[in-house]
């Protein structure tokens, strides 16, 4: 069986190669391989905008639910 070179990019063969390599490891080797930390992704402008919009929406909805609970207890 001939193996392809494992590359760091997301070429179609790279994912299947990683799966093949990970499936052939012993359990302790697999655990050691999974312990490598994954660095944080740098988010761009639009992604940051979406995340901040979701945060603001969540805070707004918390206030709405708290108000609804407060109104329900008063009446």
PDB file of N, CA and C in Angstrom:
ATOM      1  N   UNK A   1       0.841  -1.170   0.000  1.00  0.00           N
ATOM      2  CA  UNK A   1       0.000   0.000   0.000  1.00  0.00           C
ATOM      3  C   UNK A   1       0.889   1.237   0.000  1.00  0.00           C
ATOM      4  N   UNK A   2       0.591   2.195  -0.829  1.00  0.00           N
ATOM      5  CA  UNK A   2       1.379   3.409  -0.936  1.00  0.00           C
ATOM      6  C   UNK A   2       0.649   4.534  -0.190  1.00  0.00           C
ATOM      7  N   UNK A   3       1.375   5.259   0.681  1.00  0.00           N
ATOM      8  CA  UNK A   3       0.791   6.341   1.458  1.00  0.00           C
ATOM      9  C   UNK A   3       1.146   7.677   0.844  1.00  0.00           C
ATOM     10  N   UNK A   4       0.193   8.603   0.899  1.00  0.00           N
ATOM     11  CA  UNK A   4       0.448   9.955   0.431  1.00  0.00           C
ATOM     12  C   UNK A   4       1.099  10.761   1.545  1.00  0.00           C
ATOM     13  N   UNK A   5       1.777  11.811   1.165  1.00  0.00           N
ATOM     14  CA  UNK A   5       2.397  12.687   2.147  1.00  0.00           C
ATOM     15  C   UNK A   5       1.301  13.482   2.858  1.00  0.00           C
ATOM     16  N   UNK A   6       1.375  13.537   4.202  1.00  0.00           N
ATOM     17  CA  UNK A   6       0.403  14.294   4.976  1.00  0.00           C
ATOM     18  C   UNK A   6       0.812  15.753   4.933  1.00  0.00           C
ATOM     19  N   UNK A   7      -0.096  16.601   4.472  1.00  0.00           N
ATOM     20  CA  UNK A   7       0.188  18.026   4.375  1.00  0.00           C
ATOM     21  C   UNK A   7      -0.620  18.782   5.402  1.00  0.00           C
ATOM     22  N   UNK A   8      -0.192  20.007   5.687  1.00  0.00           N
ATOM     23  CA  UNK A   8      -0.892  20.821   6.666  1.00  0.00           C
ATOM     24  C   UNK A   8      -2.089  21.551   6.060  1.00  0.00           C
ATOM     25  N   UNK A   9      -2.179  21.614   4.760  1.00  0.00           N
ATOM     26  CA  UNK A   9      -3.308  22.303   4.137  1.00  0.00           C
ATOM     27  C   UNK A   9      -4.521  21.377   4.097  1.00  0.00           C
ATOM     28  N   UNK A  10      -5.608  21.891   3.635  1.00  0.00           N
ATOM     29  CA  UNK A  10      -6.855  21.123   3.617  1.00  0.00           C
ATOM     30  C   UNK A  10      -7.131  20.531   2.244  1.00  0.00           C
ATOM     31  N   UNK A  11      -6.148  19.855   1.688  1.00  0.00           N
ATOM     32  CA  UNK A  11      -6.371  19.188   0.417  1.00  0.00           C
ATOM     33  C   UNK A  11      -7.218  17.951   0.651  1.00  0.00           C
ATOM     34  N   UNK A  12      -7.923  17.481  -0.357  1.00  0.00           N
ATOM     35  CA  UNK A  12      -8.829  16.342  -0.160  1.00  0.00           C
ATOM     36  C   UNK A  12      -8.163  15.105   0.413  1.00  0.00           C
ATOM     37  N   UNK A  13      -6.927  14.833   0.041  1.00  0.00           N
ATOM     38  CA  UNK A  13      -6.251  13.650   0.536  1.00  0.00           C
ATOM     39  C   UNK A  13      -5.720  13.810   1.948  1.00  0.00           C
ATOM     40  N   UNK A  14      -5.524  15.054   2.395  1.00  0.00           N
ATOM     41  CA  UNK A  14      -4.930  15.293   3.700  1.00  0.00           C
ATOM     42  C   UNK A  14      -5.834  14.803   4.830  1.00  0.00           C
ATOM     43  N   UNK A  15      -7.139  15.009   4.726  1.00  0.00           N
ATOM     44  CA  UNK A  15      -8.050  14.585   5.785  1.00  0.00           C
ATOM     45  C   UNK A  15      -8.097  13.069   5.899  1.00  0.00           C
ATOM     46  N   UNK A  16      -8.158  12.393   4.772  1.00  0.00           N
ATOM     47  CA  UNK A  16      -8.187  10.929   4.827  1.00  0.00           C
ATOM     48  C   UNK A  16      -6.867  10.371   5.322  1.00  0.00           C
ATOM     49  N   UNK A  17      -5.750  11.049   5.010  1.00  0.00           N
ATOM     50  CA  UNK A  17      -4.451  10.619   5.513  1.00  0.00           C
ATOM     51  C   UNK A  17      -4.386  10.761   7.024  1.00  0.00           C
ATOM     52  N   UNK A  18      -4.897  11.860   7.549  1.00  0.00           N
ATOM     53  CA  UNK A  18      -4.895  12.058   9.000  1.00  0.00           C
ATOM     54  C   UNK A  18      -5.739  10.999   9.691  1.00  0.00           C
ATOM     55  N   UNK A  19      -6.883  10.677   9.108  1.00  0.00           N
ATOM     56  CA  UNK A  19      -7.751   9.646   9.682  1.00  0.00           C
ATOM     57  C   UNK A  19      -7.030   8.311   9.686  1.00  0.00           C
ATOM     58  N   UNK A  20      -6.339   7.999   8.607  1.00  0.00           N
ATOM     59  CA  UNK A  20      -5.596   6.742   8.516  1.00  0.00           C
ATOM     60  C   UNK A  20      -4.496   6.675   9.569  1.00  0.00           C
ATOM     61  N   UNK A  21      -3.772   7.776   9.725  1.00  0.00           N
ATOM     62  CA  UNK A  21      -2.683   7.806  10.702  1.00  0.00           C
ATOM     63  C   UNK A  21      -3.240   7.683  12.117  1.00  0.00           C
ATOM     64  N   UNK A  22      -4.292   8.442  12.433  1.00  0.00           N
ATOM     65  CA  UNK A  22      -4.866   8.400  13.779  1.00  0.00           C
ATOM     66  C   UNK A  22      -5.477   7.047  14.101  1.00  0.00           C
ATOM     67  N   UNK A  23      -6.044   6.375  13.106  1.00  0.00           N
ATOM     68  CA  UNK A  23      -6.649   5.071  13.369  1.00  0.00           C
ATOM     69  C   UNK A  23      -5.603   3.983  13.565  1.00  0.00           C
ATOM     70  N   UNK A  24      -4.372   4.215  13.134  1.00  0.00           N
ATOM     71  CA  UNK A  24      -3.336   3.195  13.271  1.00  0.00           C
ATOM     72  C   UNK A  24      -2.503   3.362  14.538  1.00  0.00           C
ATOM     73  N   UNK A  25      -2.781   4.414  15.324  1.00  0.00           N
ATOM     74  CA  UNK A  25      -1.996   4.638  16.537  1.00  0.00           C
ATOM     75  C   UNK A  25      -2.501   3.780  17.690  1.00  0.00           C
ATOM     76  N   UNK A  26      -1.590   3.457  18.598  1.00  0.00           N
ATOM     77  CA  UNK A  26      -1.950   2.768  19.836  1.00  0.00           C
ATOM     78  C   UNK A  26      -2.724   3.754  20.716  1.00  0.00           C
ATOM     79  N   UNK A  27      -3.508   3.272  21.681  1.00  0.00           N
ATOM     80  CA  UNK A  27      -4.301   4.190  22.516  1.00  0.00           C
ATOM     81  C   UNK A  27      -3.473   5.255  23.231  1.00  0.00           C
ATOM     82  N   UNK A  28      -2.295   4.891  23.789  1.00  0.00           N
ATOM     83  CA  UNK A  28      -1.485   5.900  24.473  1.00  0.00           C
ATOM     84  C   UNK A  28      -0.855   6.880  23.486  1.00  0.00           C
ATOM     85  N   UNK A  29      -0.531   6.424  22.291  1.00  0.00           N
ATOM     86  CA  UNK A  29      -0.008   7.328  21.265  1.00  0.00           C
ATOM     87  C   UNK A  29      -1.087   8.294  20.804  1.00  0.00           C
ATOM     88  N   UNK A  30      -2.304   7.787  20.686  1.00  0.00           N
ATOM     89  CA  UNK A  30      -3.422   8.644  20.272  1.00  0.00           C
ATOM     90  C   UNK A  30      -3.702   9.700  21.324  1.00  0.00           C
ATOM     91  N   UNK A  31      -3.682   9.302  22.609  1.00  0.00           N
ATOM     92  CA  UNK A  31      -3.910  10.266  23.689  1.00  0.00           C
ATOM     93  C   UNK A  31      -2.834  11.345  23.683  1.00  0.00           C
ATOM     94  N   UNK A  32      -1.581  10.947  23.455  1.00  0.00           N
ATOM     95  CA  UNK A  32      -0.488  11.910  23.410  1.00  0.00           C
ATOM     96  C   UNK A  32      -0.639  12.845  22.212  1.00  0.00           C
ATOM     97  N   UNK A  33      -1.086  12.307  21.079  1.00  0.00           N
ATOM     98  CA  UNK A  33      -1.253  13.126  19.874  1.00  0.00           C
ATOM     99  C   UNK A  33      -2.383  14.133  20.034  1.00  0.00           C
ATOM    100  N   UNK A  34      -3.404  13.789  20.822  1.00  0.00           N
ATOM    101  CA  UNK A  34      -4.543  14.685  21.007  1.00  0.00           C
ATOM    102  C   UNK A  34      -4.277  15.768  22.043  1.00  0.00           C
ATOM    103  N   UNK A  35      -3.180  15.671  22.802  1.00  0.00           N
ATOM    104  CA  UNK A  35      -2.892  16.652  23.851  1.00  0.00           C
ATOM    105  C   UNK A  35      -2.272  17.934  23.325  1.00  0.00           C
ATOM    106  N   UNK A  36      -1.912  17.991  22.059  1.00  0.00           N
ATOM    107  CA  UNK A  36      -1.312  19.195  21.509  1.00  0.00           C
ATOM    108  C   UNK A  36      -2.353  20.301  21.470  1.00  0.00           C
ATOM    109  N   UNK A  37      -2.042  21.468  22.058  1.00  0.00           N
ATOM    110  CA  UNK A  37      -3.023  22.557  22.054  1.00  0.00           C
ATOM    111  C   UNK A  37      -3.243  23.120  20.653  1.00  0.00           C
ATOM    112  N   UNK A  38      -4.452  23.524  20.405  1.00  0.00           N
ATOM    113  CA  UNK A  38      -4.816  24.135  19.128  1.00  0.00           C
ATOM    114  C   UNK A  38      -4.839  25.646  19.345  1.00  0.00           C
ATOM    115  N   UNK A  39      -4.093  26.406  18.561  1.00  0.00           N
ATOM    116  CA  UNK A  39      -4.059  27.858  18.770  1.00  0.00           C
ATOM    117  C   UNK A  39      -5.395  28.510  18.425  1.00  0.00           C
ATOM    118  N   UNK A  40      -5.629  29.659  19.049  1.00  0.00           N
ATOM    119  CA  UNK A  40      -6.858  30.401  18.758  1.00  0.00           C
ATOM    120  C   UNK A  40      -6.847  30.919  17.335  1.00  0.00           C
ATOM    121  N   UNK A  41      -8.027  30.992  16.768  1.00  0.00           N
ATOM    122  CA  UNK A  41      -8.155  31.490  15.410  1.00  0.00           C
ATOM    123  C   UNK A  41      -8.272  33.005  15.444  1.00  0.00           C
ATOM    124  N   UNK A  42      -7.602  33.657  14.548  1.00  0.00           N
ATOM    125  CA  UNK A  42      -7.713  35.119  14.426  1.00  0.00           C
ATOM    126  C   UNK A  42      -8.990  35.429  13.653  1.00  0.00           C
ATOM    127  N   UNK A  43      -9.903  36.144  14.282  1.00  0.00           N
ATOM    128  CA  UNK A  43     -11.164  36.471  13.634  1.00  0.00           C
ATOM    129  C   UNK A  43     -11.035  37.782  12.876  1.00  0.00           C
ATOM    130  N   UNK A  44     -11.726  37.846  11.754  1.00  0.00           N
ATOM    131  CA  UNK A  44     -11.702  39.046  10.919  1.00  0.00           C
ATOM    132  C   UNK A  44     -12.887  39.936  11.275  1.00  0.00           C
ATOM    133  N   UNK A  45     -13.007  41.056  10.613  1.00  0.00           N
ATOM    134  CA  UNK A  45     -14.002  42.071  10.931  1.00  0.00           C
ATOM    135  C   UNK A  45     -15.430  41.567  10.954  1.00  0.00           C
ATOM    136  N   UNK A  46     -15.865  40.893   9.905  1.00  0.00           N
ATOM    137  CA  UNK A  46     -17.259  40.450   9.835  1.00  0.00           C
ATOM    138  C   UNK A  46     -17.550  39.394  10.890  1.00  0.00           C
ATOM    139  N   UNK A  47     -16.596  38.498  11.131  1.00  0.00           N
ATOM    140  CA  UNK A  47     -16.790  37.462  12.149  1.00  0.00           C
ATOM    141  C   UNK A  47     -16.909  38.081  13.537  1.00  0.00           C
ATOM    142  N   UNK A  48     -16.074  39.085  13.817  1.00  0.00           N
ATOM    143  CA  UNK A  48     -16.164  39.783  15.098  1.00  0.00           C
ATOM    144  C   UNK A  48     -17.492  40.511  15.234  1.00  0.00           C
ATOM    145  N   UNK A  49     -17.942  41.115  14.153  1.00  0.00           N
ATOM    146  CA  UNK A  49     -19.222  41.809  14.170  1.00  0.00           C
ATOM    147  C   UNK A  49     -20.362  40.850  14.504  1.00  0.00           C
ATOM    148  N   UNK A  50     -20.372  39.691  13.892  1.00  0.00           N
ATOM    149  CA  UNK A  50     -21.412  38.696  14.152  1.00  0.00           C
ATOM    150  C   UNK A  50     -21.362  38.236  15.610  1.00  0.00           C
ATOM    151  N   UNK A  51     -20.174  37.958  16.124  1.00  0.00           N
ATOM    152  CA  UNK A  51     -20.064  37.508  17.513  1.00  0.00           C
ATOM    153  C   UNK A  51     -20.525  38.578  18.501  1.00  0.00           C
ATOM    154  N   UNK A  52     -20.156  39.826  18.252  1.00  0.00           N
ATOM    155  CA  UNK A  52     -20.610  40.893  19.148  1.00  0.00           C
ATOM    156  C   UNK A  52     -22.116  41.106  19.031  1.00  0.00           C
ATOM    157  N   UNK A  53     -22.663  40.959  17.843  1.00  0.00           N
ATOM    158  CA  UNK A  53     -24.117  41.073  17.681  1.00  0.00           C
ATOM    159  C   UNK A  53     -24.826  39.959  18.453  1.00  0.00           C
ATOM    160  N   UNK A  54     -24.286  38.750  18.422  1.00  0.00           N
ATOM    161  CA  UNK A  54     -24.879  37.647  19.178  1.00  0.00           C
ATOM    162  C   UNK A  54     -24.765  37.875  20.681  1.00  0.00           C
ATOM    163  N   UNK A  55     -23.655  38.435  21.127  1.00  0.00           N
ATOM    164  CA  UNK A  55     -23.504  38.744  22.556  1.00  0.00           C
ATOM    165  C   UNK A  55     -24.523  39.777  23.003  1.00  0.00           C
ATOM    166  N   UNK A  56     -24.687  40.818  22.209  1.00  0.00           N
ATOM    167  CA  UNK A  56     -25.670  41.852  22.550  1.00  0.00           C
ATOM    168  C   UNK A  56     -27.090  41.298  22.527  1.00  0.00           C
ATOM    169  N   UNK A  57     -27.391  40.448  21.564  1.00  0.00           N
ATOM    170  CA  UNK A  57     -28.707  39.822  21.489  1.00  0.00           C
ATOM    171  C   UNK A  57     -28.951  38.958  22.721  1.00  0.00           C
ATOM    172  N   UNK A  58     -27.939  38.221  23.142  1.00  0.00           N
ATOM    173  CA  UNK A  58     -28.077  37.377  24.326  1.00  0.00           C
ATOM    174  C   UNK A  58     -28.352  38.221  25.563  1.00  0.00           C
ATOM    175  N   UNK A  59     -27.620  39.317  25.729  1.00  0.00           N
ATOM    176  CA  UNK A  59     -27.864  40.195  26.874  1.00  0.00           C
ATOM    177  C   UNK A  59     -29.267  40.787  26.817  1.00  0.00           C
ATOM    178  N   UNK A  60     -29.699  41.197  25.643  1.00  0.00           N
ATOM    179  CA  UNK A  60     -31.052  41.734  25.477  1.00  0.00           C
ATOM    180  C   UNK A  60     -32.099  40.702  25.858  1.00  0.00           C
ATOM    181  N   UNK A  61     -31.921  39.461  25.403  1.00  0.00           N
ATOM    182  CA  UNK A  61     -32.895  38.409  25.698  1.00  0.00           C
ATOM    183  C   UNK A  61     -32.896  38.045  27.181  1.00  0.00           C
ATOM    184  N   UNK A  62     -31.755  38.119  27.844  1.00  0.00           N
ATOM    185  CA  UNK A  62     -31.725  37.883  29.289  1.00  0.00           C
ATOM    186  C   UNK A  62     -32.560  38.937  30.006  1.00  0.00           C
ATOM    187  N   UNK A  63     -32.429  40.184  29.584  1.00  0.00           N
ATOM    188  CA  UNK A  63     -33.222  41.259  30.183  1.00  0.00           C
ATOM    189  C   UNK A  63     -34.716  41.042  29.916  1.00  0.00           C
ATOM    190  N   UNK A  64     -35.073  40.640  28.701  1.00  0.00           N
ATOM    191  CA  UNK A  64     -36.481  40.392  28.362  1.00  0.00           C
ATOM    192  C   UNK A  64     -37.056  39.268  29.212  1.00  0.00           C
ATOM    193  N   UNK A  65     -36.334  38.182  29.353  1.00  0.00           N
ATOM    194  CA  UNK A  65     -36.826  37.054  30.152  1.00  0.00           C
ATOM    195  C   UNK A  65     -36.934  37.449  31.617  1.00  0.00           C
ATOM    196  N   UNK A  66     -35.946  38.158  32.143  1.00  0.00           N
ATOM    197  CA  UNK A  66     -36.007  38.605  33.539  1.00  0.00           C
ATOM    198  C   UNK A  66     -37.218  39.516  33.748  1.00  0.00           C
ATOM    199  N   UNK A  67     -37.483  40.401  32.800  1.00  0.00           N
ATOM    200  CA  UNK A  67     -38.654  41.285  32.897  1.00  0.00           C
ATOM    201  C   UNK A  67     -39.947  40.477  32.873  1.00  0.00           C
ATOM    202  N   UNK A  68     -40.039  39.489  32.011  1.00  0.00           N
ATOM    203  CA  UNK A  68     -41.238  38.662  31.918  1.00  0.00           C
ATOM    204  C   UNK A  68     -41.464  37.878  33.218  1.00  0.00           C
ATOM    205  N   UNK A  69     -40.401  37.369  33.810  1.00  0.00           N
ATOM    206  CA  UNK A  69     -40.518  36.647  35.076  1.00  0.00           C
ATOM    207  C   UNK A  69     -40.965  37.602  36.169  1.00  0.00           C
ATOM    208  N   UNK A  70     -40.389  38.790  36.188  1.00  0.00           N
ATOM    209  CA  UNK A  70     -40.757  39.791  37.206  1.00  0.00           C
ATOM    210  C   UNK A  70     -42.228  40.196  37.061  1.00  0.00           C
ATOM    211  N   UNK A  71     -42.685  40.415  35.836  1.00  0.00           N
ATOM    212  CA  UNK A  71     -44.091  40.775  35.579  1.00  0.00           C
ATOM    213  C   UNK A  71     -45.023  39.636  36.000  1.00  0.00           C
ATOM    214  N   UNK A  72     -44.650  38.407  35.716  1.00  0.00           N
ATOM    215  CA  UNK A  72     -45.481  37.261  36.074  1.00  0.00           C
ATOM    216  C   UNK A  72     -45.621  37.119  37.588  1.00  0.00           C
ATOM    217  N   UNK A  73     -44.602  37.455  38.323  1.00  0.00           N
ATOM    218  CA  UNK A  73     -44.673  37.350  39.793  1.00  0.00           C
ATOM    219  C   UNK A  73     -45.484  38.480  40.406  1.00  0.00           C
ATOM    220  N   UNK A  74     -45.462  39.637  39.779  1.00  0.00           N
ATOM    221  CA  UNK A  74     -46.192  40.794  40.313  1.00  0.00           C
ATOM    222  C   UNK A  74     -47.686  40.600  40.157  1.00  0.00           C
ATOM    223  N   UNK A  75     -48.121  40.034  39.038  1.00  0.00           N
ATOM    224  CA  UNK A  75     -49.571  39.885  38.779  1.00  0.00           C
ATOM    225  C   UNK A  75     -50.063  38.597  39.242  1.00  0.00           C
TER     226      UNK A  75
END
